Protein backbone atom coordinates (compact mmCIF):
# COMPACT_ATOMS: atom_id res chain seq x y z
CA UNK A 1 -36.39 110.83 147.99
CA UNK A 2 -35.45 107.18 147.36
CA UNK A 3 -33.90 107.13 143.90
CA UNK A 4 -32.49 103.57 143.73
CA UNK A 5 -34.25 100.64 145.39
CA UNK A 6 -33.01 97.06 145.11
CA UNK A 7 -34.90 94.24 146.85
CA UNK A 8 -33.51 90.74 147.18
CA UNK A 9 -31.13 91.01 144.22
CA UNK A 10 -29.49 87.68 143.35
CA UNK A 11 -27.09 87.16 140.47
CA UNK A 12 -26.14 83.58 139.70
CA UNK A 13 -23.79 82.42 136.93
CA UNK A 14 -24.17 78.88 135.65
CA UNK A 15 -26.49 76.08 136.73
CA UNK A 16 -26.53 73.17 139.11
CA UNK A 17 -23.78 72.36 141.64
CA UNK A 18 -21.23 74.47 139.73
CA UNK A 19 -23.29 77.65 139.81
CA UNK A 20 -21.62 80.74 141.25
CA UNK A 21 -23.70 83.24 143.21
CA UNK A 22 -22.09 86.65 142.72
CA UNK A 23 -24.88 88.53 144.53
CA UNK A 24 -26.79 86.96 147.40
CA UNK A 25 -29.93 88.87 148.28
CA UNK A 26 -28.91 92.52 148.06
CA UNK A 27 -31.32 95.03 149.63
CA UNK A 28 -30.32 98.60 148.95
CA UNK A 29 -31.70 102.12 148.94
CA UNK A 30 -29.84 105.15 147.56
CA UNK A 31 -31.34 108.61 147.73
CA UNK A 32 -31.48 111.25 145.06
CA UNK A 33 -28.35 113.42 145.07
CA UNK A 34 -26.43 110.98 147.27
CA UNK A 35 -22.80 109.97 146.65
CA UNK A 36 -22.20 106.35 147.63
CA UNK A 37 -18.95 104.37 147.52
CA UNK A 38 -19.05 100.56 147.25
CA UNK A 39 -16.01 98.82 148.71
CA UNK A 40 -14.81 95.27 149.28
CA UNK A 41 -12.15 92.81 148.24
CA UNK A 42 -11.82 91.50 144.68
CA UNK A 43 -14.60 88.99 144.05
CA UNK A 44 -16.91 90.52 146.67
CA UNK A 45 -19.53 91.41 144.05
CA UNK A 46 -18.91 95.15 143.75
CA UNK A 47 -18.66 95.35 139.97
CA UNK A 48 -21.50 92.87 139.49
CA UNK A 49 -23.74 95.04 141.68
CA UNK A 50 -22.76 98.12 139.69
CA UNK A 51 -23.58 96.40 136.39
CA UNK A 52 -27.00 95.45 137.76
CA UNK A 53 -27.63 99.02 138.96
CA UNK A 54 -26.64 100.25 135.50
CA UNK A 55 -29.09 98.05 133.66
CA UNK A 56 -26.29 96.06 132.06
CA UNK A 57 -26.72 92.72 133.84
CA UNK A 58 -30.14 91.20 134.52
CA UNK A 59 -30.45 89.78 138.05
CA UNK A 60 -31.42 86.13 138.52
CA UNK A 61 -33.92 87.14 141.20
CA UNK A 62 -35.15 90.26 142.92
CA UNK A 63 -36.49 93.63 141.79
CA UNK A 64 -34.70 96.87 140.98
CA UNK A 65 -36.18 100.37 140.53
CA UNK A 66 -34.40 103.53 139.56
CA UNK A 67 -36.25 106.85 139.45
CA UNK A 68 -39.44 104.88 140.02
CA UNK A 69 -38.90 102.67 136.95
CA UNK A 70 -38.60 98.90 137.36
CA UNK A 71 -35.65 98.66 135.02
CA UNK A 72 -35.59 94.93 134.28
CA UNK A 73 -39.30 94.87 133.56
CA UNK A 74 -38.56 96.97 130.46
CA UNK A 75 -37.93 95.44 127.05
CA UNK A 76 -34.24 95.40 126.14
CA UNK A 77 -34.60 98.34 123.71
CA UNK A 78 -36.49 100.40 126.29
CA UNK A 79 -33.82 99.58 128.89
CA UNK A 80 -31.10 100.68 126.47
CA UNK A 81 -32.95 103.96 125.89
CA UNK A 82 -33.25 104.51 129.64
CA UNK A 83 -29.52 103.90 130.14
CA UNK A 84 -28.62 106.30 127.34
CA UNK A 85 -30.93 109.05 128.53
CA UNK A 86 -30.70 108.74 132.34
CA UNK A 87 -27.33 107.16 133.16
CA UNK A 88 -23.62 107.84 132.67
CA UNK A 89 -20.82 105.29 133.05
CA UNK A 90 -17.15 105.74 133.94
CA UNK A 91 -14.76 102.77 133.95
CA UNK A 92 -11.19 102.10 135.06
CA UNK A 93 -10.11 101.96 131.40
CA UNK A 94 -10.91 105.16 129.59
CA UNK A 95 -12.32 103.54 126.40
CA UNK A 96 -11.58 106.59 124.27
CA UNK A 97 -11.33 106.23 120.50
CA UNK A 98 -7.78 107.22 119.63
CA UNK A 99 -8.64 108.50 116.14
CA UNK A 100 -11.29 110.94 117.43
CA UNK A 101 -10.58 114.27 119.03
CA UNK A 102 -11.42 114.98 122.65
CA UNK A 103 -14.59 116.82 121.59
CA UNK A 104 -15.66 114.03 119.25
CA UNK A 105 -15.16 111.39 121.98
CA UNK A 106 -17.37 113.37 124.33
CA UNK A 107 -20.06 113.69 121.66
CA UNK A 108 -20.32 109.91 121.12
CA UNK A 109 -23.36 109.34 123.43
CA UNK A 110 -25.25 111.95 121.41
CA UNK A 111 -24.73 110.23 118.04
CA UNK A 112 -28.24 108.73 118.00
CA UNK A 113 -29.87 111.88 119.36
CA UNK A 114 -32.08 113.96 117.13
CA UNK A 115 -30.52 117.16 118.46
CA UNK A 116 -28.94 119.55 115.92
CA UNK A 117 -25.20 119.06 115.44
CA UNK A 118 -24.54 122.57 116.77
CA UNK A 119 -26.33 121.80 120.04
CA UNK A 120 -24.45 118.49 120.39
CA UNK A 121 -21.17 120.40 120.12
CA UNK A 122 -22.36 122.93 122.70
CA UNK A 123 -23.28 120.17 125.16
CA UNK A 124 -19.90 118.49 124.64
CA UNK A 125 -18.02 121.75 125.19
CA UNK A 126 -20.08 122.42 128.33
CA UNK A 127 -19.24 118.92 129.66
CA UNK A 128 -15.52 119.47 129.00
CA UNK A 129 -15.66 122.80 130.81
CA UNK A 130 -17.26 121.08 133.81
CA UNK A 131 -14.28 118.74 134.08
CA UNK A 132 -11.73 121.51 133.49
CA UNK A 133 -10.68 120.61 129.96
CA UNK A 134 -11.77 123.65 128.01
CA UNK A 135 -9.17 124.40 125.35
CA UNK A 136 -8.33 120.71 124.79
CA UNK A 137 -11.20 120.02 122.38
CA UNK A 138 -9.07 119.36 119.29
CA UNK A 139 -6.44 117.17 120.97
CA UNK A 140 -6.28 113.44 120.36
CA UNK A 141 -6.30 111.12 123.42
CA UNK A 142 -2.60 110.34 122.92
CA UNK A 143 -1.82 114.02 123.24
CA UNK A 144 -3.17 114.42 126.77
CA UNK A 145 -2.27 112.85 130.13
CA UNK A 146 -3.89 109.83 131.76
CA UNK A 147 -5.73 112.01 134.23
CA UNK A 148 -7.01 114.20 131.44
CA UNK A 149 -8.15 111.12 129.50
CA UNK A 150 -10.20 109.99 132.48
CA UNK A 151 -11.72 113.46 132.72
CA UNK A 152 -12.65 113.19 129.04
CA UNK A 153 -14.33 109.87 129.90
CA UNK A 154 -16.24 111.60 132.70
CA UNK A 155 -17.28 114.41 130.34
CA UNK A 156 -18.54 111.78 127.89
CA UNK A 157 -20.54 110.16 130.73
CA UNK A 158 -22.23 113.43 131.73
CA UNK A 159 -22.76 114.98 128.28
CA UNK A 160 -26.37 113.77 128.20
CA UNK A 161 -26.91 115.27 131.69
CA UNK A 162 -27.75 111.94 133.37
CA UNK A 163 -29.63 111.53 136.62
CA UNK A 164 -27.22 108.82 137.77
CA UNK A 165 -23.44 108.45 137.35
CA UNK A 166 -21.97 104.97 137.87
CA UNK A 167 -18.20 104.65 138.20
CA UNK A 168 -16.15 101.43 138.42
CA UNK A 169 -12.67 102.06 139.83
CA UNK A 170 -12.42 105.50 138.16
CA UNK A 171 -8.93 106.15 139.63
CA UNK A 172 -7.62 102.58 139.26
CA UNK A 173 -5.18 103.44 136.45
CA UNK A 174 -4.09 106.78 137.91
CA UNK A 175 -1.41 107.93 140.32
CA UNK A 176 -2.45 109.65 143.53
CA UNK A 177 -2.11 113.21 142.18
CA UNK A 178 -4.21 112.64 139.06
CA UNK A 179 -6.59 110.48 141.09
CA UNK A 180 -7.17 113.44 143.38
CA UNK A 181 -7.95 115.63 140.36
CA UNK A 182 -10.54 113.14 139.18
CA UNK A 183 -12.10 112.94 142.64
CA UNK A 184 -12.42 116.71 142.73
CA UNK A 185 -14.44 116.44 139.50
CA UNK A 186 -16.72 113.94 141.25
CA UNK A 187 -17.09 116.36 144.15
CA UNK A 188 -18.14 119.14 141.81
CA UNK A 189 -20.67 116.89 140.05
CA UNK A 190 -22.08 115.83 143.42
CA UNK A 191 -22.33 119.44 144.52
CA UNK A 192 -24.44 120.07 141.42
CA UNK A 193 -26.91 117.45 142.62
CA UNK A 194 -25.85 114.37 140.65
CA UNK A 195 -26.43 110.95 142.20
CA UNK A 196 -23.16 108.97 142.13
CA UNK A 197 -22.43 105.31 142.86
CA UNK A 198 -18.70 104.58 142.79
CA UNK A 199 -16.90 101.26 143.17
CA UNK A 200 -13.39 101.65 144.58
CA UNK A 201 -10.61 99.73 146.32
CA UNK A 202 -9.28 102.94 147.85
CA UNK A 203 -10.29 103.73 151.41
CA UNK A 204 -9.06 107.28 150.85
CA UNK A 205 -11.37 107.92 147.91
CA UNK A 206 -14.26 106.00 149.48
CA UNK A 207 -14.11 108.38 152.45
CA UNK A 208 -14.93 111.27 150.13
CA UNK A 209 -18.43 109.88 149.51
CA UNK A 210 -21.34 110.54 151.85
CA UNK A 211 -21.93 106.84 152.47
CA UNK A 212 -19.91 103.62 152.21
CA UNK A 213 -21.44 100.25 151.38
CA UNK A 214 -19.10 97.38 152.19
CA UNK A 215 -19.48 94.04 150.42
CA UNK A 216 -18.15 90.56 150.99
CA UNK A 217 -19.02 87.30 149.23
CA UNK A 218 -21.93 88.87 147.35
CA UNK A 219 -23.54 90.39 150.43
CA UNK A 220 -23.70 93.85 152.00
CA UNK A 221 -21.92 93.60 155.34
CA UNK A 222 -21.67 97.30 156.17
CA UNK A 223 -23.64 100.44 155.30
CA UNK A 224 -22.64 103.65 157.03
CA UNK A 225 -22.24 107.38 156.57
CA UNK A 226 -18.66 108.69 156.49
CA UNK A 227 -19.32 111.78 158.60
CA UNK A 228 -16.58 113.62 156.71
CA UNK A 229 -16.93 116.47 154.24
CA UNK A 230 -15.17 116.16 150.93
CA UNK A 231 -13.62 119.61 151.26
CA UNK A 232 -11.82 118.71 154.49
CA UNK A 233 -9.94 115.93 152.72
CA UNK A 234 -8.40 118.48 150.36
CA UNK A 235 -7.89 121.42 152.62
CA UNK A 236 -4.10 121.01 152.37
CA UNK A 237 -4.06 120.37 148.61
């Protein structure tokens, strides 16, 4: 089932001769449950595309549907509700609040929810268990490693059980060992049926996804299946 469909997406910054076209007519389909990696050099448009897919950056032209909803046809408040309920975001920087515990950080997306506090805590604990951080609930971010902080950020992104997880360089601030731990979390989430779109500079991590989309100068110049299983990449780990 086609879950994400972008047709003729253009994103232009500025006006007149000095305008910069970050995206130049992107056509894209991503299927439900698929794990896609977006690669390309700095300035190729990867992060801009991800921000458009996440409902954070209105395109200058083109149409975009996710789960059958034309996202940018929604009013801004409706779009914000859709993001909160249906999407999770993971960034290169962890964006954890240092004065909140691990559990409290994970609960942040549920603050505006009408769910009982007890259920919010249960969902946060479940999300932490899914990323292998049970037992760390009361720690502060400064009391855990960088890899664990990124896993907290992932738990925060999935606490609302989103349909779509969007990740922008999720291993960019991590060494190879902790990066591998984070990628194993992504594998587990994918195996549970989550649709994942991940921007990365790493060919190694990109090869873990089912499909690679390569960008250059705001255009898609390659779109191919990897043909490799995730498990085979870690068979010696």
